[in-house]
């Protein structure tokens, strides 16, 4: 059983996080969940109180972002991977520059120092030079930048399918099998 850490910050994209949490639980993995203070507010705005409650109920462990006396705050707290979805530019900047202002930042620092998978699904547009510099710094430190961008080749019928496809891409990247996930099969042409 994999133990997955999901952190939700104050950027838009809470539906992605809900779909990812559902996929993690459907796969039989253990879900460790943490919201930043603004992450809770944005999630409640985007997916409603019911969606927020649903995500919290999916969690095997729910952490307070101010509690540094918890499992994710230590490199000895063995979790297999951490996904920050969505990842605000403020969170990205803090992690890329070694600042641990909350438990999300500290957990990410632990994943980097222990060389475990850390995925940051950044959500911002347009990007300025500081954003790009921070993405490069995080990538050079061992993190993976996984921009929250919808894809259309899966022919999504609605926003739920679009969010599910993106969440599924992250899950597959981390080695979680996703039932029914479309694969890319280009049409073959004769020369």
N, C-alpha and C. Protein backbone atom coordinates (compact mmCIF):
# COMPACT_ATOMS: atom_id res chain seq x y z
N UNK A 1 0.85 -1.19 0.00
CA UNK A 1 0.00 0.00 0.00
C UNK A 1 0.89 1.23 0.00
N UNK A 2 0.61 2.13 -0.94
CA UNK A 2 1.34 3.40 -0.96
C UNK A 2 0.69 4.38 -0.01
N UNK A 3 1.53 5.25 0.54
CA UNK A 3 1.05 6.31 1.42
C UNK A 3 1.28 7.63 0.69
N UNK A 4 0.19 8.28 0.32
CA UNK A 4 0.26 9.48 -0.49
C UNK A 4 -0.12 10.71 0.33
N UNK A 5 0.71 11.75 0.23
CA UNK A 5 0.44 13.04 0.87
C UNK A 5 -0.15 13.96 -0.18
N UNK A 6 -1.32 14.52 0.10
CA UNK A 6 -1.95 15.49 -0.80
C UNK A 6 -2.09 16.80 -0.05
N UNK A 7 -1.48 17.85 -0.60
CA UNK A 7 -1.56 19.19 0.00
C UNK A 7 -2.35 20.09 -0.95
N UNK A 8 -3.31 20.81 -0.40
CA UNK A 8 -4.13 21.73 -1.18
C UNK A 8 -3.83 23.15 -0.71
N UNK A 9 -3.38 23.99 -1.65
CA UNK A 9 -3.06 25.37 -1.30
C UNK A 9 -4.07 26.31 -1.93
N UNK A 10 -3.84 27.60 -1.78
CA UNK A 10 -4.84 28.61 -2.15
C UNK A 10 -4.90 29.01 -3.59
N UNK A 11 -4.50 28.17 -4.51
CA UNK A 11 -4.67 28.46 -5.94
C UNK A 11 -5.96 27.80 -6.43
N UNK A 12 -6.43 28.22 -7.58
CA UNK A 12 -7.61 27.61 -8.16
C UNK A 12 -7.27 26.20 -8.63
N UNK A 13 -8.21 25.27 -8.48
CA UNK A 13 -7.99 23.90 -8.94
C UNK A 13 -8.40 22.85 -7.93
N UNK A 14 -9.31 23.19 -7.03
CA UNK A 14 -9.73 22.25 -5.98
C UNK A 14 -10.39 21.00 -6.54
N UNK A 15 -11.03 21.11 -7.70
CA UNK A 15 -11.66 19.94 -8.31
C UNK A 15 -10.60 18.91 -8.69
N UNK A 16 -9.45 19.37 -9.16
CA UNK A 16 -8.35 18.44 -9.44
C UNK A 16 -7.99 17.66 -8.17
N UNK A 17 -7.89 18.37 -7.05
CA UNK A 17 -7.51 17.73 -5.79
C UNK A 17 -8.55 16.70 -5.37
N UNK A 18 -9.82 17.04 -5.49
CA UNK A 18 -10.89 16.09 -5.14
C UNK A 18 -10.80 14.84 -5.99
N UNK A 19 -10.61 15.00 -7.29
CA UNK A 19 -10.51 13.83 -8.19
C UNK A 19 -9.27 13.00 -7.85
N UNK A 20 -8.15 13.66 -7.55
CA UNK A 20 -6.93 12.93 -7.19
C UNK A 20 -7.16 12.14 -5.90
N UNK A 21 -7.79 12.76 -4.91
CA UNK A 21 -8.07 12.07 -3.65
C UNK A 21 -8.93 10.83 -3.90
N UNK A 22 -9.93 10.96 -4.76
CA UNK A 22 -10.79 9.82 -5.08
C UNK A 22 -9.99 8.69 -5.74
N UNK A 23 -9.11 9.04 -6.68
CA UNK A 23 -8.30 8.03 -7.36
C UNK A 23 -7.35 7.33 -6.39
N UNK A 24 -6.76 8.09 -5.48
CA UNK A 24 -5.86 7.50 -4.49
C UNK A 24 -6.61 6.47 -3.65
N UNK A 25 -7.80 6.84 -3.19
CA UNK A 25 -8.58 5.91 -2.35
C UNK A 25 -9.06 4.70 -3.15
N UNK A 26 -9.50 4.91 -4.39
CA UNK A 26 -9.96 3.80 -5.24
C UNK A 26 -8.83 2.80 -5.50
N UNK A 27 -7.59 3.28 -5.52
CA UNK A 27 -6.46 2.40 -5.79
C UNK A 27 -6.01 1.61 -4.56
N UNK A 28 -6.59 1.94 -3.40
CA UNK A 28 -6.22 1.24 -2.17
C UNK A 28 -5.07 1.89 -1.42
N UNK A 29 -4.64 3.05 -1.87
CA UNK A 29 -3.55 3.77 -1.19
C UNK A 29 -4.09 4.49 0.04
N UNK A 30 -3.18 4.77 0.95
CA UNK A 30 -3.49 5.55 2.14
C UNK A 30 -3.36 7.03 1.79
N UNK A 31 -4.33 7.84 2.19
CA UNK A 31 -4.34 9.26 1.85
C UNK A 31 -4.09 10.12 3.09
N UNK A 32 -3.02 10.90 3.02
CA UNK A 32 -2.67 11.88 4.05
C UNK A 32 -2.97 13.24 3.45
N UNK A 33 -3.82 14.03 4.11
CA UNK A 33 -4.35 15.26 3.54
C UNK A 33 -4.03 16.46 4.42
N UNK A 34 -3.66 17.55 3.75
CA UNK A 34 -3.41 18.81 4.47
C UNK A 34 -3.83 19.97 3.58
N UNK A 35 -4.50 20.93 4.17
CA UNK A 35 -4.90 22.16 3.49
C UNK A 35 -4.13 23.33 4.09
N UNK A 36 -3.73 24.27 3.25
CA UNK A 36 -3.28 25.55 3.80
C UNK A 36 -4.54 26.29 4.23
N UNK A 37 -4.38 27.34 5.00
CA UNK A 37 -5.56 28.10 5.44
C UNK A 37 -6.34 28.63 4.24
N UNK A 38 -5.66 29.18 3.27
CA UNK A 38 -6.33 29.70 2.08
C UNK A 38 -6.83 28.56 1.21
N UNK A 39 -6.15 27.44 1.24
CA UNK A 39 -6.60 26.26 0.49
C UNK A 39 -7.99 25.82 0.88
N UNK A 40 -8.29 25.88 2.19
CA UNK A 40 -9.64 25.54 2.67
C UNK A 40 -10.65 26.53 2.09
N UNK A 41 -10.32 27.81 2.13
CA UNK A 41 -11.24 28.84 1.64
C UNK A 41 -11.52 28.69 0.14
N UNK A 42 -10.46 28.47 -0.63
CA UNK A 42 -10.63 28.32 -2.08
C UNK A 42 -11.40 27.05 -2.40
N UNK A 43 -11.09 25.96 -1.72
CA UNK A 43 -11.80 24.70 -1.96
C UNK A 43 -13.29 24.85 -1.66
N UNK A 44 -13.61 25.48 -0.56
CA UNK A 44 -15.01 25.68 -0.20
C UNK A 44 -15.72 26.54 -1.26
N UNK A 45 -15.03 27.53 -1.79
CA UNK A 45 -15.59 28.39 -2.82
C UNK A 45 -15.80 27.62 -4.12
N UNK A 46 -14.81 26.80 -4.52
CA UNK A 46 -14.85 26.13 -5.82
C UNK A 46 -15.69 24.85 -5.85
N UNK A 47 -15.60 24.04 -4.80
CA UNK A 47 -16.32 22.76 -4.82
C UNK A 47 -17.40 22.68 -3.75
N UNK A 48 -17.57 23.77 -3.02
CA UNK A 48 -18.61 23.82 -2.00
C UNK A 48 -18.24 23.08 -0.74
N UNK A 49 -19.03 23.32 0.29
CA UNK A 49 -18.80 22.66 1.58
C UNK A 49 -18.91 21.14 1.45
N UNK A 50 -19.86 20.69 0.61
CA UNK A 50 -20.05 19.25 0.41
C UNK A 50 -18.81 18.62 -0.21
N UNK A 51 -18.22 19.28 -1.21
CA UNK A 51 -17.01 18.76 -1.85
C UNK A 51 -15.84 18.74 -0.90
N UNK A 52 -15.72 19.79 -0.09
CA UNK A 52 -14.66 19.87 0.91
C UNK A 52 -14.81 18.75 1.94
N UNK A 53 -16.03 18.55 2.43
CA UNK A 53 -16.29 17.47 3.39
C UNK A 53 -16.01 16.10 2.79
N UNK A 54 -16.36 15.94 1.51
CA UNK A 54 -16.11 14.66 0.83
C UNK A 54 -14.61 14.37 0.78
N UNK A 55 -13.82 15.40 0.45
CA UNK A 55 -12.38 15.22 0.38
C UNK A 55 -11.81 14.86 1.75
N UNK A 56 -12.27 15.55 2.78
CA UNK A 56 -11.79 15.27 4.14
C UNK A 56 -12.16 13.86 4.58
N UNK A 57 -13.34 13.37 4.19
CA UNK A 57 -13.76 12.01 4.57
C UNK A 57 -12.94 10.95 3.84
N UNK A 58 -12.41 11.27 2.68
CA UNK A 58 -11.56 10.33 1.95
C UNK A 58 -10.22 10.12 2.64
N UNK A 59 -9.80 11.10 3.43
CA UNK A 59 -8.48 11.06 4.06
C UNK A 59 -8.40 10.04 5.18
N UNK A 60 -7.30 9.31 5.20
CA UNK A 60 -7.01 8.43 6.33
C UNK A 60 -6.43 9.26 7.47
N UNK A 61 -5.71 10.32 7.10
CA UNK A 61 -5.12 11.24 8.08
C UNK A 61 -5.30 12.66 7.56
N UNK A 62 -5.76 13.54 8.44
CA UNK A 62 -5.96 14.95 8.10
C UNK A 62 -5.12 15.78 9.06
N UNK A 63 -4.25 16.63 8.52
CA UNK A 63 -3.31 17.40 9.34
C UNK A 63 -3.66 18.88 9.33
N UNK A 64 -3.37 19.53 10.43
CA UNK A 64 -3.50 20.97 10.55
C UNK A 64 -2.21 21.59 10.01
N UNK A 65 -2.34 22.59 9.16
CA UNK A 65 -1.15 23.19 8.52
C UNK A 65 -0.22 23.90 9.51
N UNK A 66 -0.67 24.11 10.74
CA UNK A 66 0.17 24.76 11.74
C UNK A 66 0.87 23.75 12.66
N UNK A 67 0.53 22.47 12.53
CA UNK A 67 1.04 21.46 13.44
C UNK A 67 2.35 20.85 12.94
N UNK A 68 3.46 21.37 13.44
CA UNK A 68 4.76 20.85 13.07
C UNK A 68 5.11 19.58 13.86
N UNK A 69 4.27 19.20 14.81
CA UNK A 69 4.47 17.98 15.60
C UNK A 69 3.63 16.85 15.02
N UNK A 70 3.77 16.63 13.72
CA UNK A 70 3.00 15.57 13.06
C UNK A 70 3.90 14.83 12.08
N UNK A 71 3.46 13.70 11.63
CA UNK A 71 4.24 12.80 10.78
C UNK A 71 4.92 13.48 9.60
N UNK A 72 4.22 14.31 8.81
CA UNK A 72 4.87 14.88 7.63
C UNK A 72 6.00 15.87 7.93
N UNK A 73 6.15 16.31 9.17
CA UNK A 73 7.17 17.30 9.52
C UNK A 73 8.54 16.67 9.73
N UNK A 74 8.65 15.37 9.60
CA UNK A 74 9.92 14.69 9.82
C UNK A 74 10.30 13.83 8.62
N UNK A 75 11.57 13.82 8.31
CA UNK A 75 12.06 12.93 7.27
C UNK A 75 11.89 11.47 7.63
N UNK A 76 11.70 11.18 8.91
CA UNK A 76 11.46 9.80 9.36
C UNK A 76 10.00 9.40 9.19
N UNK A 77 9.14 10.37 8.91
CA UNK A 77 7.72 10.07 8.66
C UNK A 77 7.56 9.54 7.26
N UNK A 78 7.68 8.24 7.11
CA UNK A 78 7.75 7.64 5.78
C UNK A 78 6.41 7.71 5.05
N UNK A 79 6.40 8.57 4.05
CA UNK A 79 5.29 8.66 3.09
C UNK A 79 5.93 8.48 1.72
N UNK A 80 5.22 7.88 0.78
CA UNK A 80 5.82 7.52 -0.50
C UNK A 80 5.95 8.67 -1.49
N UNK A 81 4.99 9.57 -1.50
CA UNK A 81 5.02 10.69 -2.45
C UNK A 81 4.16 11.82 -1.91
N UNK A 82 4.48 13.04 -2.34
CA UNK A 82 3.70 14.22 -1.97
C UNK A 82 3.28 14.94 -3.23
N UNK A 83 1.99 15.28 -3.28
CA UNK A 83 1.45 16.05 -4.39
C UNK A 83 0.85 17.33 -3.82
N UNK A 84 1.28 18.46 -4.35
CA UNK A 84 0.69 19.74 -3.98
C UNK A 84 -0.21 20.14 -5.13
N UNK A 85 -1.51 20.04 -4.90
CA UNK A 85 -2.50 20.17 -5.98
C UNK A 85 -3.74 20.87 -5.47
N UNK A 86 -3.96 22.10 -5.86
CA UNK A 86 -3.11 22.95 -6.68
C UNK A 86 -2.00 23.57 -5.83
N UNK A 87 -0.94 23.97 -6.51
CA UNK A 87 0.20 24.60 -5.84
C UNK A 87 0.21 26.09 -6.18
N UNK A 88 -0.02 26.91 -5.19
CA UNK A 88 0.02 28.36 -5.39
C UNK A 88 1.46 28.81 -5.61
N UNK A 89 1.62 29.95 -6.22
CA UNK A 89 2.96 30.48 -6.44
C UNK A 89 3.63 30.88 -5.12
N UNK A 90 2.84 31.25 -4.12
CA UNK A 90 3.40 31.53 -2.80
C UNK A 90 3.99 30.28 -2.17
N UNK A 91 3.28 29.16 -2.30
CA UNK A 91 3.78 27.88 -1.78
C UNK A 91 5.03 27.47 -2.55
N UNK A 92 4.96 27.55 -3.87
CA UNK A 92 6.12 27.22 -4.70
C UNK A 92 7.34 28.04 -4.28
N UNK A 93 7.15 29.35 -4.11
CA UNK A 93 8.25 30.24 -3.74
C UNK A 93 8.84 29.88 -2.39
N UNK A 94 7.98 29.57 -1.43
CA UNK A 94 8.48 29.20 -0.10
C UNK A 94 9.31 27.93 -0.16
N UNK A 95 8.80 26.91 -0.85
CA UNK A 95 9.51 25.63 -0.93
C UNK A 95 10.81 25.78 -1.71
N UNK A 96 10.75 26.48 -2.84
CA UNK A 96 11.93 26.64 -3.69
C UNK A 96 13.04 27.41 -2.98
N UNK A 97 12.67 28.21 -2.00
CA UNK A 97 13.66 29.02 -1.28
C UNK A 97 13.91 28.54 0.15
N UNK A 98 13.46 27.34 0.47
CA UNK A 98 13.77 26.73 1.75
C UNK A 98 13.08 27.34 2.95
N UNK A 99 11.92 27.95 2.75
CA UNK A 99 11.17 28.54 3.86
C UNK A 99 10.09 27.57 4.32
N UNK A 100 10.02 27.33 5.61
CA UNK A 100 9.01 26.42 6.16
C UNK A 100 8.06 27.20 7.05
N UNK A 101 7.13 27.90 6.43
CA UNK A 101 6.18 28.71 7.18
C UNK A 101 4.97 27.93 7.67
N UNK A 102 4.73 26.76 7.08
CA UNK A 102 3.62 25.92 7.52
C UNK A 102 3.99 24.46 7.28
N UNK A 103 3.11 23.56 7.63
CA UNK A 103 3.40 22.13 7.53
C UNK A 103 3.56 21.68 6.08
N UNK A 104 2.86 22.31 5.15
CA UNK A 104 3.02 21.95 3.74
C UNK A 104 4.46 22.23 3.29
N UNK A 105 4.95 23.41 3.62
CA UNK A 105 6.32 23.76 3.25
C UNK A 105 7.32 22.79 3.89
N UNK A 106 7.12 22.51 5.19
CA UNK A 106 8.05 21.62 5.91
C UNK A 106 8.00 20.20 5.34
N UNK A 107 6.79 19.70 5.05
CA UNK A 107 6.67 18.36 4.48
C UNK A 107 7.39 18.29 3.13
N UNK A 108 7.19 19.31 2.29
CA UNK A 108 7.86 19.35 0.99
C UNK A 108 9.38 19.35 1.17
N UNK A 109 9.86 20.12 2.15
CA UNK A 109 11.29 20.15 2.45
C UNK A 109 11.79 18.75 2.81
N UNK A 110 11.00 18.01 3.59
CA UNK A 110 11.38 16.64 3.97
C UNK A 110 11.41 15.72 2.75
N UNK A 111 10.43 15.85 1.88
CA UNK A 111 10.42 15.01 0.68
C UNK A 111 11.65 15.29 -0.18
N UNK A 112 12.01 16.55 -0.32
CA UNK A 112 13.20 16.89 -1.11
C UNK A 112 14.47 16.36 -0.48
N UNK A 113 14.63 16.56 0.84
CA UNK A 113 15.88 16.13 1.47
C UNK A 113 16.00 14.61 1.53
N UNK A 114 14.87 13.91 1.58
CA UNK A 114 14.87 12.45 1.60
C UNK A 114 14.81 11.86 0.19
N UNK A 115 14.77 12.73 -0.81
CA UNK A 115 14.73 12.34 -2.23
C UNK A 115 13.55 11.43 -2.56
N UNK A 116 12.40 11.81 -2.01
CA UNK A 116 11.15 11.12 -2.35
C UNK A 116 10.38 11.99 -3.34
N UNK A 117 9.49 11.40 -4.13
CA UNK A 117 8.76 12.17 -5.14
C UNK A 117 7.93 13.32 -4.54
N UNK A 118 8.14 14.49 -5.11
CA UNK A 118 7.39 15.69 -4.77
C UNK A 118 6.88 16.29 -6.07
N UNK A 119 5.56 16.37 -6.21
CA UNK A 119 4.93 16.91 -7.41
C UNK A 119 4.23 18.21 -7.05
N UNK A 120 4.56 19.28 -7.78
CA UNK A 120 3.91 20.57 -7.58
C UNK A 120 3.08 20.89 -8.82
N UNK A 121 1.77 20.83 -8.68
CA UNK A 121 0.86 21.14 -9.79
C UNK A 121 0.58 22.65 -9.72
N UNK A 122 1.51 23.40 -10.28
CA UNK A 122 1.42 24.86 -10.21
C UNK A 122 0.23 25.36 -11.01
N UNK A 123 -0.37 26.46 -10.50
CA UNK A 123 -1.57 27.00 -11.12
C UNK A 123 -1.48 28.51 -11.12
N UNK A 124 -1.04 29.06 -12.22
CA UNK A 124 -0.97 30.51 -12.38
C UNK A 124 -0.79 30.84 -13.86
N UNK A 125 -1.30 31.96 -14.27
CA UNK A 125 -1.05 32.44 -15.63
C UNK A 125 -1.36 33.92 -15.69
N UNK A 126 -0.59 34.71 -16.40
CA UNK A 126 0.70 34.37 -17.00
C UNK A 126 1.77 34.21 -15.92
N UNK A 127 2.89 33.66 -16.32
CA UNK A 127 4.01 33.46 -15.40
C UNK A 127 4.99 34.62 -15.50
N UNK A 128 5.50 35.07 -14.36
CA UNK A 128 6.55 36.08 -14.39
C UNK A 128 7.90 35.41 -14.16
N UNK A 129 8.98 36.17 -14.23
CA UNK A 129 10.32 35.59 -14.09
C UNK A 129 10.55 34.96 -12.73
N UNK A 130 9.94 35.51 -11.69
CA UNK A 130 10.09 34.93 -10.36
C UNK A 130 9.45 33.54 -10.32
N UNK A 131 8.25 33.40 -10.89
CA UNK A 131 7.59 32.09 -10.94
C UNK A 131 8.48 31.07 -11.66
N UNK A 132 9.00 31.48 -12.82
CA UNK A 132 9.82 30.58 -13.63
C UNK A 132 11.11 30.21 -12.88
N UNK A 133 11.72 31.19 -12.24
CA UNK A 133 12.93 30.93 -11.44
C UNK A 133 12.63 29.93 -10.32
N UNK A 134 11.50 30.12 -9.62
CA UNK A 134 11.14 29.22 -8.53
C UNK A 134 10.83 27.81 -9.03
N UNK A 135 10.20 27.70 -10.19
CA UNK A 135 9.94 26.37 -10.76
C UNK A 135 11.26 25.67 -11.09
N UNK A 136 12.19 26.41 -11.67
CA UNK A 136 13.50 25.84 -11.99
C UNK A 136 14.23 25.42 -10.71
N UNK A 137 14.19 26.27 -9.69
CA UNK A 137 14.85 25.94 -8.43
C UNK A 137 14.27 24.66 -7.81
N UNK A 138 12.96 24.53 -7.84
CA UNK A 138 12.33 23.33 -7.28
C UNK A 138 12.70 22.10 -8.11
N UNK A 139 12.69 22.23 -9.42
CA UNK A 139 13.06 21.10 -10.28
C UNK A 139 14.51 20.71 -10.04
N UNK A 140 15.39 21.68 -9.90
CA UNK A 140 16.81 21.38 -9.64
C UNK A 140 17.01 20.74 -8.27
N UNK A 141 16.11 21.00 -7.34
CA UNK A 141 16.20 20.40 -6.00
C UNK A 141 15.61 18.98 -5.97
N UNK A 142 14.99 18.56 -7.07
CA UNK A 142 14.46 17.20 -7.14
C UNK A 142 12.95 17.10 -7.25
N UNK A 143 12.25 18.23 -7.21
CA UNK A 143 10.80 18.21 -7.36
C UNK A 143 10.39 18.11 -8.82
N UNK A 144 9.14 17.77 -9.04
CA UNK A 144 8.59 17.71 -10.38
C UNK A 144 7.53 18.79 -10.53
N UNK A 145 7.68 19.60 -11.56
CA UNK A 145 6.69 20.63 -11.87
C UNK A 145 5.68 19.99 -12.82
N UNK A 146 4.42 20.00 -12.42
CA UNK A 146 3.35 19.34 -13.17
C UNK A 146 2.22 20.36 -13.33
N UNK A 147 2.36 21.30 -14.29
CA UNK A 147 1.39 22.39 -14.40
C UNK A 147 -0.05 21.88 -14.55
N UNK A 148 -0.94 22.53 -13.84
CA UNK A 148 -2.37 22.16 -13.89
C UNK A 148 -2.96 22.70 -15.18
N UNK A 149 -2.82 21.89 -16.22
CA UNK A 149 -3.33 22.26 -17.54
C UNK A 149 -4.24 21.16 -18.04
N UNK A 150 -5.45 21.52 -18.43
CA UNK A 150 -6.34 20.48 -18.97
C UNK A 150 -5.89 20.02 -20.34
N UNK A 151 -6.20 18.79 -20.68
CA UNK A 151 -5.91 18.24 -22.01
C UNK A 151 -7.24 17.96 -22.70
N UNK A 152 -7.24 18.03 -24.00
CA UNK A 152 -8.49 17.86 -24.74
C UNK A 152 -8.48 16.64 -25.64
N UNK A 153 -7.32 15.98 -25.80
CA UNK A 153 -7.28 14.80 -26.68
C UNK A 153 -8.03 13.62 -26.08
N UNK A 154 -8.37 13.69 -24.81
CA UNK A 154 -9.19 12.63 -24.19
C UNK A 154 -10.67 12.84 -24.50
N UNK A 155 -10.99 13.94 -25.17
CA UNK A 155 -12.37 14.28 -25.55
C UNK A 155 -13.30 14.33 -24.34
N UNK A 156 -12.96 15.15 -23.33
CA UNK A 156 -13.81 15.21 -22.14
C UNK A 156 -15.19 15.75 -22.47
N UNK A 157 -16.18 15.16 -21.83
CA UNK A 157 -17.56 15.59 -22.06
C UNK A 157 -17.97 16.72 -21.12
N UNK A 158 -17.25 16.86 -20.01
CA UNK A 158 -17.57 17.92 -19.05
C UNK A 158 -16.34 18.23 -18.20
N UNK A 159 -16.49 19.19 -17.31
CA UNK A 159 -15.37 19.63 -16.47
C UNK A 159 -14.90 18.53 -15.52
N UNK A 160 -15.82 17.67 -15.07
CA UNK A 160 -15.43 16.56 -14.19
C UNK A 160 -14.46 15.61 -14.90
N UNK A 161 -14.78 15.29 -16.16
CA UNK A 161 -13.90 14.40 -16.92
C UNK A 161 -12.54 15.04 -17.18
N UNK A 162 -12.54 16.35 -17.42
CA UNK A 162 -11.28 17.06 -17.63
C UNK A 162 -10.42 17.00 -16.36
N UNK A 163 -11.04 17.25 -15.21
CA UNK A 163 -10.32 17.23 -13.94
C UNK A 163 -9.85 15.81 -13.61
N UNK A 164 -10.70 14.83 -13.88
CA UNK A 164 -10.35 13.44 -13.61
C UNK A 164 -9.16 13.00 -14.46
N UNK A 165 -9.12 13.42 -15.72
CA UNK A 165 -8.02 13.06 -16.60
C UNK A 165 -6.71 13.65 -16.08
N UNK A 166 -6.71 14.92 -15.68
CA UNK A 166 -5.49 15.53 -15.16
C UNK A 166 -5.05 14.85 -13.86
N UNK A 167 -5.98 14.61 -12.96
CA UNK A 167 -5.66 13.93 -11.71
C UNK A 167 -5.11 12.53 -11.99
N UNK A 168 -5.69 11.86 -12.98
CA UNK A 168 -5.23 10.53 -13.37
C UNK A 168 -3.81 10.55 -13.92
N UNK A 169 -3.45 11.61 -14.63
CA UNK A 169 -2.09 11.73 -15.15
C UNK A 169 -1.07 11.81 -13.99
N UNK A 170 -1.43 12.57 -12.97
CA UNK A 170 -0.52 12.65 -11.81
C UNK A 170 -0.44 11.30 -11.11
N UNK A 171 -1.59 10.65 -10.92
CA UNK A 171 -1.60 9.34 -10.28
C UNK A 171 -0.74 8.34 -11.04
N UNK A 172 -0.91 8.30 -12.35
CA UNK A 172 -0.11 7.37 -13.16
C UNK A 172 1.38 7.72 -13.08
N UNK A 173 1.71 8.99 -13.07
CA UNK A 173 3.10 9.43 -12.95
C UNK A 173 3.73 8.86 -11.68
N UNK A 174 2.92 8.75 -10.62
CA UNK A 174 3.41 8.24 -9.33
C UNK A 174 3.27 6.73 -9.19
N UNK A 175 2.88 6.05 -10.27
CA UNK A 175 2.79 4.60 -10.26
C UNK A 175 1.48 4.04 -9.76
N UNK A 176 0.46 4.86 -9.67
CA UNK A 176 -0.88 4.40 -9.26
C UNK A 176 -1.66 4.03 -10.51
N UNK A 177 -2.17 2.82 -10.55
CA UNK A 177 -2.96 2.39 -11.70
C UNK A 177 -4.34 3.04 -11.63
N UNK A 178 -4.76 3.59 -12.78
CA UNK A 178 -6.05 4.27 -12.85
C UNK A 178 -6.92 3.54 -13.87
N UNK A 179 -8.00 2.94 -13.40
CA UNK A 179 -8.91 2.21 -14.28
C UNK A 179 -9.56 3.17 -15.27
N UNK A 180 -9.62 2.74 -16.53
CA UNK A 180 -10.33 3.51 -17.55
C UNK A 180 -9.61 4.76 -18.03
N UNK A 181 -8.35 4.93 -17.64
CA UNK A 181 -7.61 6.11 -18.05
C UNK A 181 -7.29 6.00 -19.53
N UNK A 182 -7.72 7.00 -20.33
CA UNK A 182 -7.43 6.93 -21.77
C UNK A 182 -5.93 7.00 -22.03
N UNK A 183 -5.51 6.31 -23.06
CA UNK A 183 -4.12 6.37 -23.46
C UNK A 183 -4.04 7.03 -24.83
N UNK A 184 -2.89 7.55 -25.15
CA UNK A 184 -2.70 8.22 -26.43
C UNK A 184 -2.36 7.18 -27.48
N UNK A 185 -3.22 7.09 -28.48
CA UNK A 185 -2.99 6.18 -29.60
C UNK A 185 -3.16 6.97 -30.89
N UNK A 186 -2.05 7.51 -31.40
CA UNK A 186 -2.16 8.31 -32.62
C UNK A 186 -2.56 7.46 -33.81
N UNK A 187 -3.24 8.08 -34.75
CA UNK A 187 -3.62 7.37 -35.97
C UNK A 187 -2.38 7.14 -36.79
N UNK A 188 -2.27 5.95 -37.31
CA UNK A 188 -1.12 5.62 -38.15
C UNK A 188 -1.45 5.98 -39.60
N UNK A 189 -0.50 6.60 -40.23
CA UNK A 189 -0.69 6.95 -41.64
C UNK A 189 0.39 6.30 -42.46
N UNK A 190 0.05 6.03 -43.71
CA UNK A 190 1.04 5.45 -44.63
C UNK A 190 1.78 6.57 -45.31
N UNK A 191 3.08 6.37 -45.47
CA UNK A 191 3.90 7.39 -46.15
C UNK A 191 3.79 7.24 -47.64
